Amino acid sequence: MEIEVTDTRENPMMEREEYFLEIKHQKESTPSREKIIDKFSAQNDEDPLKIELGSINTAYGNGYSTTKLKVYEEQVREENEEEEKQPEEEEEE
């Protein structure tokens, strides 16, 4: 998976920077939100908890996706959001 920034905008009113991304994932399925956030944060030295990702758009059979990613000045996500919630087991009587 490769991530290319196609456009960048500053949004001072919302205290964030907005990045428009093209994600190349030839011969792979569309990457998950967490994979994209982790790769972008590693490449750009950003805190992943300050990143919010919009919808991922992929054309059928295409190895390219586009998305809008927002990097806020303050943390916008909780650490436990990254983990999938497990359904609670019902107690037997």
PDB file of N, CA and C in Angstrom:
ATOM      1  N   MET A   1       0.848  -1.181   0.000  1.00  0.00           N
ATOM      2  CA  MET A   1       0.000   0.000   0.000  1.00  0.00           C
ATOM      3  C   MET A   1       0.889   1.238   0.000  1.00  0.00           C
ATOM      4  N   GLU A   2       0.592   2.146  -0.912  1.00  0.00           N
ATOM      5  CA  GLU A   2       1.293   3.426  -0.986  1.00  0.00           C
ATOM      6  C   GLU A   2       0.280   4.552  -0.826  1.00  0.00           C
ATOM      7  N   ILE A   3       0.669   5.595  -0.090  1.00  0.00           N
ATOM      8  CA  ILE A   3      -0.211   6.742   0.111  1.00  0.00           C
ATOM      9  C   ILE A   3       0.436   7.962  -0.514  1.00  0.00           C
ATOM     10  N   GLU A   4      -0.324   8.649  -1.360  1.00  0.00           N
ATOM     11  CA  GLU A   4       0.140   9.881  -1.995  1.00  0.00           C
ATOM     12  C   GLU A   4      -0.823  11.012  -1.636  1.00  0.00           C
ATOM     13  N   VAL A   5      -0.270  12.116  -1.151  1.00  0.00           N
ATOM     14  CA  VAL A   5      -1.078  13.299  -0.835  1.00  0.00           C
ATOM     15  C   VAL A   5      -1.268  14.076  -2.129  1.00  0.00           C
ATOM     16  N   THR A   6      -2.521  14.238  -2.563  1.00  0.00           N
ATOM     17  CA  THR A   6      -2.794  14.934  -3.811  1.00  0.00           C
ATOM     18  C   THR A   6      -3.119  16.410  -3.597  1.00  0.00           C
ATOM     19  N   ASP A   7      -3.578  16.769  -2.381  1.00  0.00           N
ATOM     20  CA  ASP A   7      -3.904  18.164  -2.077  1.00  0.00           C
ATOM     21  C   ASP A   7      -3.912  18.343  -0.562  1.00  0.00           C
ATOM     22  N   THR A   8      -3.598  19.552  -0.130  1.00  0.00           N
ATOM     23  CA  THR A   8      -3.594  19.885   1.300  1.00  0.00           C
ATOM     24  C   THR A   8      -4.264  21.227   1.481  1.00  0.00           C
ATOM     25  N   ARG A   9      -5.055  21.346   2.536  1.00  0.00           N
ATOM     26  CA  ARG A   9      -5.707  22.623   2.867  1.00  0.00           C
ATOM     27  C   ARG A   9      -5.629  22.852   4.367  1.00  0.00           C
ATOM     28  N   GLU A  10      -5.455  24.086   4.756  1.00  0.00           N
ATOM     29  CA  GLU A  10      -5.524  24.443   6.167  1.00  0.00           C
ATOM     30  C   GLU A  10      -6.929  24.939   6.458  1.00  0.00           C
ATOM     31  N   ASN A  11      -7.460  24.554   7.607  1.00  0.00           N
ATOM     32  CA  ASN A  11      -8.783  24.983   8.020  1.00  0.00           C
ATOM     33  C   ASN A  11      -8.653  25.546   9.440  1.00  0.00           C
ATOM     34  N   PRO A  12      -8.260  26.821   9.558  1.00  0.00           N
ATOM     35  CA  PRO A  12      -8.019  27.399  10.882  1.00  0.00           C
ATOM     36  C   PRO A  12      -9.274  27.488  11.748  1.00  0.00           C
ATOM     37  N   MET A  13     -10.432  27.634  11.157  1.00  0.00           N
ATOM     38  CA  MET A  13     -11.659  27.711  11.958  1.00  0.00           C
ATOM     39  C   MET A  13     -11.931  26.398  12.686  1.00  0.00           C
ATOM     40  N   MET A  14     -11.632  25.302  12.042  1.00  0.00           N
ATOM     41  CA  MET A  14     -11.852  23.988  12.651  1.00  0.00           C
ATOM     42  C   MET A  14     -10.586  23.462  13.335  1.00  0.00           C
ATOM     43  N   GLU A  15      -9.524  24.251  13.316  1.00  0.00           N
ATOM     44  CA  GLU A  15      -8.239  23.896  13.925  1.00  0.00           C
ATOM     45  C   GLU A  15      -7.729  22.558  13.401  1.00  0.00           C
ATOM     46  N   ARG A  16      -7.644  22.448  12.074  1.00  0.00           N
ATOM     47  CA  ARG A  16      -7.174  21.213  11.469  1.00  0.00           C
ATOM     48  C   ARG A  16      -6.543  21.485  10.106  1.00  0.00           C
ATOM     49  N   GLU A  17      -5.813  20.475   9.629  1.00  0.00           N
ATOM     50  CA  GLU A  17      -5.314  20.448   8.266  1.00  0.00           C
ATOM     51  C   GLU A  17      -6.027  19.311   7.562  1.00  0.00           C
ATOM     52  N   GLU A  18      -6.359  19.506   6.299  1.00  0.00           N
ATOM     53  CA  GLU A  18      -7.087  18.498   5.542  1.00  0.00           C
ATOM     54  C   GLU A  18      -6.199  18.000   4.407  1.00  0.00           C
ATOM     55  N   TYR A  19      -6.121  16.695   4.286  1.00  0.00           N
ATOM     56  CA  TYR A  19      -5.302  16.061   3.262  1.00  0.00           C
ATOM     57  C   TYR A  19      -6.196  15.213   2.371  1.00  0.00           C
ATOM     58  N   PHE A  20      -6.013  15.340   1.079  1.00  0.00           N
ATOM     59  CA  PHE A  20      -6.721  14.510   0.114  1.00  0.00           C
ATOM     60  C   PHE A  20      -5.721  13.464  -0.364  1.00  0.00           C
ATOM     61  N   LEU A  21      -6.075  12.203  -0.189  1.00  0.00           N
ATOM     62  CA  LEU A  21      -5.132  11.119  -0.435  1.00  0.00           C
ATOM     63  C   LEU A  21      -5.563  10.217  -1.578  1.00  0.00           C
ATOM     64  N   GLU A  22      -4.565   9.695  -2.278  1.00  0.00           N
ATOM     65  CA  GLU A  22      -4.770   8.607  -3.225  1.00  0.00           C
ATOM     66  C   GLU A  22      -3.981   7.429  -2.679  1.00  0.00           C
ATOM     67  N   ILE A  23      -4.655   6.311  -2.505  1.00  0.00           N
ATOM     68  CA  ILE A  23      -4.046   5.125  -1.915  1.00  0.00           C
ATOM     69  C   ILE A  23      -3.940   4.069  -3.002  1.00  0.00           C
ATOM     70  N   LYS A  24      -2.729   3.595  -3.246  1.00  0.00           N
ATOM     71  CA  LYS A  24      -2.504   2.554  -4.246  1.00  0.00           C
ATOM     72  C   LYS A  24      -2.402   1.216  -3.515  1.00  0.00           C
ATOM     73  N   HIS A  25      -3.264   0.283  -3.885  1.00  0.00           N
ATOM     74  CA  HIS A  25      -3.264  -1.039  -3.249  1.00  0.00           C
ATOM     75  C   HIS A  25      -3.514  -2.114  -4.296  1.00  0.00           C
ATOM     76  N   GLN A  26      -2.648  -2.159  -5.303  1.00  0.00           N
ATOM     77  CA  GLN A  26      -2.766  -3.135  -6.382  1.00  0.00           C
ATOM     78  C   GLN A  26      -2.717  -4.552  -5.827  1.00  0.00           C
ATOM     79  N   LYS A  27      -3.580  -5.409  -6.317  1.00  0.00           N
ATOM     80  CA  LYS A  27      -3.648  -6.822  -5.947  1.00  0.00           C
ATOM     81  C   LYS A  27      -3.922  -7.032  -4.457  1.00  0.00           C
ATOM     82  N   GLU A  28      -4.509  -6.048  -3.796  1.00  0.00           N
ATOM     83  CA  GLU A  28      -4.883  -6.145  -2.390  1.00  0.00           C
ATOM     84  C   GLU A  28      -6.296  -5.603  -2.236  1.00  0.00           C
ATOM     85  N   SER A  29      -6.939  -5.960  -1.145  1.00  0.00           N
ATOM     86  CA  SER A  29      -8.256  -5.394  -0.874  1.00  0.00           C
ATOM     87  C   SER A  29      -8.093  -3.948  -0.400  1.00  0.00           C
ATOM     88  N   THR A  30      -9.187  -3.217  -0.347  1.00  0.00           N
ATOM     89  CA  THR A  30      -9.154  -1.849   0.149  1.00  0.00           C
ATOM     90  C   THR A  30      -8.654  -1.866   1.590  1.00  0.00           C
ATOM     91  N   PRO A  31      -7.635  -1.066   1.900  1.00  0.00           N
ATOM     92  CA  PRO A  31      -7.091  -1.078   3.264  1.00  0.00           C
ATOM     93  C   PRO A  31      -8.088  -0.541   4.285  1.00  0.00           C
ATOM     94  N   SER A  32      -7.940  -1.009   5.518  1.00  0.00           N
ATOM     95  CA  SER A  32      -8.826  -0.567   6.597  1.00  0.00           C
ATOM     96  C   SER A  32      -8.493   0.866   6.996  1.00  0.00           C
ATOM     97  N   ARG A  33      -9.398   1.497   7.700  1.00  0.00           N
ATOM     98  CA  ARG A  33      -9.193   2.854   8.183  1.00  0.00           C
ATOM     99  C   ARG A  33      -7.948   2.930   9.060  1.00  0.00           C
ATOM    100  N   GLU A  34      -7.800   1.947   9.952  1.00  0.00           N
ATOM    101  CA  GLU A  34      -6.661   1.957  10.877  1.00  0.00           C
ATOM    102  C   GLU A  34      -5.341   1.799  10.145  1.00  0.00           C
ATOM    103  N   LYS A  35      -5.300   0.955   9.101  1.00  0.00           N
ATOM    104  CA  LYS A  35      -4.066   0.798   8.326  1.00  0.00           C
ATOM    105  C   LYS A  35      -3.675   2.116   7.657  1.00  0.00           C
ATOM    106  N   ILE A  36      -4.662   2.816   7.115  1.00  0.00           N
ATOM    107  CA  ILE A  36      -4.392   4.093   6.444  1.00  0.00           C
ATOM    108  C   ILE A  36      -3.910   5.118   7.460  1.00  0.00           C
ATOM    109  N   ILE A  37      -4.598   5.217   8.597  1.00  0.00           N
ATOM    110  CA  ILE A  37      -4.204   6.181   9.637  1.00  0.00           C
ATOM    111  C   ILE A  37      -2.806   5.864  10.151  1.00  0.00           C
ATOM    112  N   ASP A  38      -2.519   4.586  10.418  1.00  0.00           N
ATOM    113  CA  ASP A  38      -1.203   4.204  10.930  1.00  0.00           C
ATOM    114  C   ASP A  38      -0.091   4.530   9.933  1.00  0.00           C
ATOM    115  N   LYS A  39      -0.318   4.212   8.662  1.00  0.00           N
ATOM    116  CA  LYS A  39       0.709   4.476   7.643  1.00  0.00           C
ATOM    117  C   LYS A  39       0.907   5.981   7.463  1.00  0.00           C
ATOM    118  N   PHE A  40      -0.185   6.755   7.382  1.00  0.00           N
ATOM    119  CA  PHE A  40      -0.075   8.201   7.212  1.00  0.00           C
ATOM    120  C   PHE A  40       0.640   8.830   8.407  1.00  0.00           C
ATOM    121  N   SER A  41       0.274   8.414   9.621  1.00  0.00           N
ATOM    122  CA  SER A  41       0.887   9.002  10.814  1.00  0.00           C
ATOM    123  C   SER A  41       2.375   8.663  10.888  1.00  0.00           C
ATOM    124  N   ALA A  42       2.762   7.473  10.475  1.00  0.00           N
ATOM    125  CA  ALA A  42       4.172   7.090  10.475  1.00  0.00           C
ATOM    126  C   ALA A  42       4.960   7.891   9.431  1.00  0.00           C
ATOM    127  N   GLN A  43       4.388   8.079   8.250  1.00  0.00           N
ATOM    128  CA  GLN A  43       5.068   8.819   7.182  1.00  0.00           C
ATOM    129  C   GLN A  43       5.212  10.303   7.496  1.00  0.00           C
ATOM    130  N   ASN A  44       4.248  10.861   8.234  1.00  0.00           N
ATOM    131  CA  ASN A  44       4.212  12.306   8.451  1.00  0.00           C
ATOM    132  C   ASN A  44       4.455  12.708   9.903  1.00  0.00           C
ATOM    133  N   ASP A  45       4.862  11.756  10.733  1.00  0.00           N
ATOM    134  CA  ASP A  45       5.174  12.009  12.137  1.00  0.00           C
ATOM    135  C   ASP A  45       4.024  12.734  12.843  1.00  0.00           C
ATOM    136  N   GLU A  46       2.827  12.179  12.712  1.00  0.00           N
ATOM    137  CA  GLU A  46       1.624  12.731  13.348  1.00  0.00           C
ATOM    138  C   GLU A  46       1.114  11.748  14.394  1.00  0.00           C
ATOM    139  N   ASP A  47       0.423  12.259  15.397  1.00  0.00           N
ATOM    140  CA  ASP A  47      -0.212  11.424  16.410  1.00  0.00           C
ATOM    141  C   ASP A  47      -1.476  10.815  15.808  1.00  0.00           C
ATOM    142  N   PRO A  48      -1.592   9.473  15.761  1.00  0.00           N
ATOM    143  CA  PRO A  48      -2.784   8.866  15.158  1.00  0.00           C
ATOM    144  C   PRO A  48      -4.089   9.223  15.868  1.00  0.00           C
ATOM    145  N   LEU A  49      -4.023   9.614  17.134  1.00  0.00           N
ATOM    146  CA  LEU A  49      -5.237   9.976  17.858  1.00  0.00           C
ATOM    147  C   LEU A  49      -5.752  11.360  17.488  1.00  0.00           C
ATOM    148  N   LYS A  50      -4.984  12.103  16.702  1.00  0.00           N
ATOM    149  CA  LYS A  50      -5.411  13.423  16.218  1.00  0.00           C
ATOM    150  C   LYS A  50      -5.944  13.350  14.787  1.00  0.00           C
ATOM    151  N   ILE A  51      -6.043  12.134  14.251  1.00  0.00           N
ATOM    152  CA  ILE A  51      -6.423  11.950  12.847  1.00  0.00           C
ATOM    153  C   ILE A  51      -7.830  11.373  12.754  1.00  0.00           C
ATOM    154  N   GLU A  52      -8.599  11.946  11.834  1.00  0.00           N
ATOM    155  CA  GLU A  52      -9.940  11.458  11.519  1.00  0.00           C
ATOM    156  C   GLU A  52      -9.970  11.191  10.012  1.00  0.00           C
ATOM    157  N   LEU A  53     -10.546  10.065   9.639  1.00  0.00           N
ATOM    158  CA  LEU A  53     -10.559   9.661   8.239  1.00  0.00           C
ATOM    159  C   LEU A  53     -11.977   9.653   7.709  1.00  0.00           C
ATOM    160  N   GLY A  54     -12.174  10.237   6.524  1.00  0.00           N
ATOM    161  CA  GLY A  54     -13.487  10.236   5.881  1.00  0.00           C
ATOM    162  C   GLY A  54     -13.745   8.910   5.193  1.00  0.00           C
ATOM    163  N   SER A  55     -14.763   8.866   4.368  1.00  0.00           N
ATOM    164  CA  SER A  55     -15.081   7.624   3.674  1.00  0.00           C
ATOM    165  C   SER A  55     -14.004   7.304   2.640  1.00  0.00           C
ATOM    166  N   ILE A  56     -13.818   6.020   2.412  1.00  0.00           N
ATOM    167  CA  ILE A  56     -12.821   5.543   1.450  1.00  0.00           C
ATOM    168  C   ILE A  56     -13.564   5.178   0.179  1.00  0.00           C
ATOM    169  N   ASN A  57     -13.192   5.790  -0.936  1.00  0.00           N
ATOM    170  CA  ASN A  57     -13.882   5.586  -2.208  1.00  0.00           C
ATOM    171  C   ASN A  57     -13.010   4.736  -3.134  1.00  0.00           C
ATOM    172  N   THR A  58     -13.531   3.587  -3.539  1.00  0.00           N
ATOM    173  CA  THR A  58     -12.819   2.679  -4.429  1.00  0.00           C
ATOM    174  C   THR A  58     -13.756   2.256  -5.541  1.00  0.00           C
ATOM    175  N   ALA A  59     -13.317   2.399  -6.784  1.00  0.00           N
ATOM    176  CA  ALA A  59     -14.106   1.914  -7.915  1.00  0.00           C
ATOM    177  C   ALA A  59     -13.926   0.398  -8.015  1.00  0.00           C
ATOM    178  N   TYR A  60     -14.960  -0.306  -8.445  1.00  0.00           N
ATOM    179  CA  TYR A  60     -14.920  -1.762  -8.536  1.00  0.00           C
ATOM    180  C   TYR A  60     -13.759  -2.211  -9.427  1.00  0.00           C
ATOM    181  N   GLY A  61     -12.957  -3.135  -8.902  1.00  0.00           N
ATOM    182  CA  GLY A  61     -11.859  -3.699  -9.682  1.00  0.00           C
ATOM    183  C   GLY A  61     -10.666  -2.783  -9.837  1.00  0.00           C
ATOM    184  N   ASN A  62     -10.678  -1.676  -9.138  1.00  0.00           N
ATOM    185  CA  ASN A  62      -9.609  -0.691  -9.271  1.00  0.00           C
ATOM    186  C   ASN A  62      -8.673  -0.831  -8.078  1.00  0.00           C
ATOM    187  N   GLY A  63      -7.396  -0.693  -8.270  1.00  0.00           N
ATOM    188  CA  GLY A  63      -6.418  -0.789  -7.195  1.00  0.00           C
ATOM    189  C   GLY A  63      -6.079   0.553  -6.593  1.00  0.00           C
ATOM    190  N   TYR A  64      -6.968   1.518  -6.760  1.00  0.00           N
ATOM    191  CA  TYR A  64      -6.756   2.855  -6.213  1.00  0.00           C
ATOM    192  C   TYR A  64      -7.976   3.278  -5.402  1.00  0.00           C
ATOM    193  N   SER A  65      -7.718   3.947  -4.298  1.00  0.00           N
ATOM    194  CA  SER A  65      -8.801   4.510  -3.485  1.00  0.00           C
ATOM    195  C   SER A  65      -8.478   5.963  -3.203  1.00  0.00           C
ATOM    196  N   THR A  66      -9.510   6.747  -2.914  1.00  0.00           N
ATOM    197  CA  THR A  66      -9.313   8.131  -2.508  1.00  0.00           C
ATOM    198  C   THR A  66     -10.039   8.360  -1.196  1.00  0.00           C
ATOM    199  N   THR A  67      -9.526   9.303  -0.419  1.00  0.00           N
ATOM    200  CA  THR A  67     -10.152   9.639   0.851  1.00  0.00           C
ATOM    201  C   THR A  67      -9.682  11.018   1.295  1.00  0.00           C
ATOM    202  N   LYS A  68     -10.387  11.561   2.263  1.00  0.00           N
ATOM    203  CA  LYS A  68     -10.027  12.831   2.879  1.00  0.00           C
ATOM    204  C   LYS A  68      -9.660  12.545   4.329  1.00  0.00           C
ATOM    205  N   LEU A  69      -8.514  13.026   4.737  1.00  0.00           N
ATOM    206  CA  LEU A  69      -8.018  12.785   6.082  1.00  0.00           C
ATOM    207  C   LEU A  69      -7.845  14.130   6.771  1.00  0.00           C
ATOM    208  N   LYS A  70      -8.248  14.219   8.041  1.00  0.00           N
ATOM    209  CA  LYS A  70      -8.165  15.476   8.789  1.00  0.00           C
ATOM    210  C   LYS A  70      -7.235  15.280   9.976  1.00  0.00           C
ATOM    211  N   VAL A  71      -6.281  16.209  10.134  1.00  0.00           N
ATOM    212  CA  VAL A  71      -5.366  16.172  11.271  1.00  0.00           C
ATOM    213  C   VAL A  71      -5.675  17.385  12.136  1.00  0.00           C
ATOM    214  N   TYR A  72      -6.157  17.118  13.344  1.00  0.00           N
ATOM    215  CA  TYR A  72      -6.539  18.178  14.273  1.00  0.00           C
ATOM    216  C   TYR A  72      -5.368  18.570  15.165  1.00  0.00           C
ATOM    217  N   GLU A  73      -5.462  19.757  15.759  1.00  0.00           N
ATOM    218  CA  GLU A  73      -4.442  20.220  16.690  1.00  0.00           C
ATOM    219  C   GLU A  73      -4.546  19.491  18.025  1.00  0.00           C
ATOM    220  N   GLU A  74      -5.742  19.069  18.398  1.00  0.00           N
ATOM    221  CA  GLU A  74      -5.988  18.355  19.647  1.00  0.00           C
ATOM    222  C   GLU A  74      -6.427  16.925  19.340  1.00  0.00           C
ATOM    223  N   GLN A  75      -6.330  16.050  20.310  1.00  0.00           N
ATOM    224  CA  GLN A  75      -6.753  14.664  20.166  1.00  0.00           C
ATOM    225  C   GLN A  75      -8.263  14.598  19.938  1.00  0.00           C
ATOM    226  N   VAL A  76      -8.692  13.827  18.940  1.00  0.00           N
ATOM    227  CA  VAL A  76     -10.119  13.708  18.624  1.00  0.00           C
ATOM    228  C   VAL A  76     -10.638  12.287  18.781  1.00  0.00           C
ATOM    229  N   ARG A  77      -9.746  11.326  18.969  1.00  0.00           N
ATOM    230  CA  ARG A  77     -10.160   9.931  19.122  1.00  0.00           C
ATOM    231  C   ARG A  77      -9.635   9.391  20.449  1.00  0.00           C
ATOM    232  N   GLU A  78     -10.333   8.415  20.969  1.00  0.00           N
ATOM    233  CA  GLU A  78      -9.900   7.731  22.188  1.00  0.00           C
ATOM    234  C   GLU A  78      -9.012   6.550  21.799  1.00  0.00           C
ATOM    235  N   GLU A  79      -8.120   6.172  22.677  1.00  0.00           N
ATOM    236  CA  GLU A  79      -7.230   5.046  22.390  1.00  0.00           C
ATOM    237  C   GLU A  79      -8.000   3.752  22.200  1.00  0.00           C
ATOM    238  N   ASN A  80      -9.062   3.537  22.960  1.00  0.00           N
ATOM    239  CA  ASN A  80      -9.804   2.282  22.858  1.00  0.00           C
ATOM    240  C   ASN A  80     -10.663   2.197  21.609  1.00  0.00           C
ATOM    241  N   GLU A  81     -10.809   3.268  20.837  1.00  0.00           N
ATOM    242  CA  GLU A  81     -11.561   3.218  19.580  1.00  0.00           C
ATOM    243  C   GLU A  81     -10.851   2.339  18.567  1.00  0.00           C
ATOM    244  N   GLU A  82      -9.535   2.193  18.722  1.00  0.00           N
ATOM    245  CA  GLU A  82      -8.762   1.400  17.778  1.00  0.00           C
ATOM    246  C   GLU A  82      -9.031  -0.086  17.943  1.00  0.00           C
ATOM    247  N   GLU A  83      -9.435  -0.508  19.129  1.00  0.00           N
ATOM    248  CA  GLU A  83      -9.720  -1.912  19.378  1.00  0.00           C
ATOM    249  C   GLU A  83     -11.192  -2.178  19.074  1.00  0.00           C
ATOM    250  N   GLU A  84     -11.455  -3.340  18.493  1.00  0.00           N
ATOM    251  CA  GLU A  84     -12.845  -3.696  18.221  1.00  0.00           C
ATOM    252  C   GLU A  84     -13.513  -4.082  19.531  1.00  0.00           C
ATOM    253  N   LYS A  85     -14.739  -3.646  19.697  1.00  0.00           N
ATOM    254  CA  LYS A  85     -15.476  -3.993  20.902  1.00  0.00           C
ATOM    255  C   LYS A  85     -15.969  -5.428  20.796  1.00  0.00           C
ATOM    256  N   GLN A  86     -15.741  -6.205  21.851  1.00  0.00           N
ATOM    257  CA  GLN A  86     -16.188  -7.583  21.911  1.00  0.00           C
ATOM    258  C   GLN A  86     -17.579  -7.628  22.517  1.00  0.00           C
ATOM    259  N   PRO A  87     -18.494  -8.399  21.961  1.00  0.00           N
ATOM    260  CA  PRO A  87     -19.828  -8.499  22.563  1.00  0.00           C
ATOM    261  C   PRO A  87     -19.734  -9.163  23.939  1.00  0.00           C
ATOM    262  N   GLU A  88     -20.527  -8.673  24.846  1.00  0.00           N
ATOM    263  CA  GLU A  88     -20.521  -9.243  26.194  1.00  0.00           C
ATOM    264  C   GLU A  88     -21.208 -10.585  26.190  1.00  0.00           C
ATOM    265  N   GLU A  89     -20.611 -11.527  26.919  1.00  0.00           N
ATOM    266  CA  GLU A  89     -21.191 -12.865  26.996  1.00  0.00           C
ATOM    267  C   GLU A  89     -22.318 -12.866  28.020  1.00  0.00           C
ATOM    268  N   GLU A  90     -23.383 -13.578  27.720  1.00  0.00           N
ATOM    269  CA  GLU A  90     -24.492 -13.685  28.655  1.00  0.00           C
ATOM    270  C   GLU A  90     -24.148 -14.708  29.727  1.00  0.00           C
ATOM    271  N   GLU A  91     -24.470 -14.368  30.951  1.00  0.00           N
ATOM    272  CA  GLU A  91     -24.200 -15.288  32.052  1.00  0.00           C
ATOM    273  C   GLU A  91     -25.266 -16.360  32.089  1.00  0.00           C
ATOM    274  N   GLU A  92     -24.824 -17.608  32.354  1.00  0.00           N
ATOM    275  CA  GLU A  92     -25.755 -18.725  32.466  1.00  0.00           C
ATOM    276  C   GLU A  92     -26.149 -18.878  33.931  1.00  0.00           C
ATOM    277  N   GLU A  93     -27.407 -19.208  34.185  1.00  0.00           N
ATOM    278  CA  GLU A  93     -27.887 -19.386  35.564  1.00  0.00           C
ATOM    279  C   GLU A  93     -27.992 -20.829  35.923  1.00  0.00           C
TER     280      GLU A  93
END
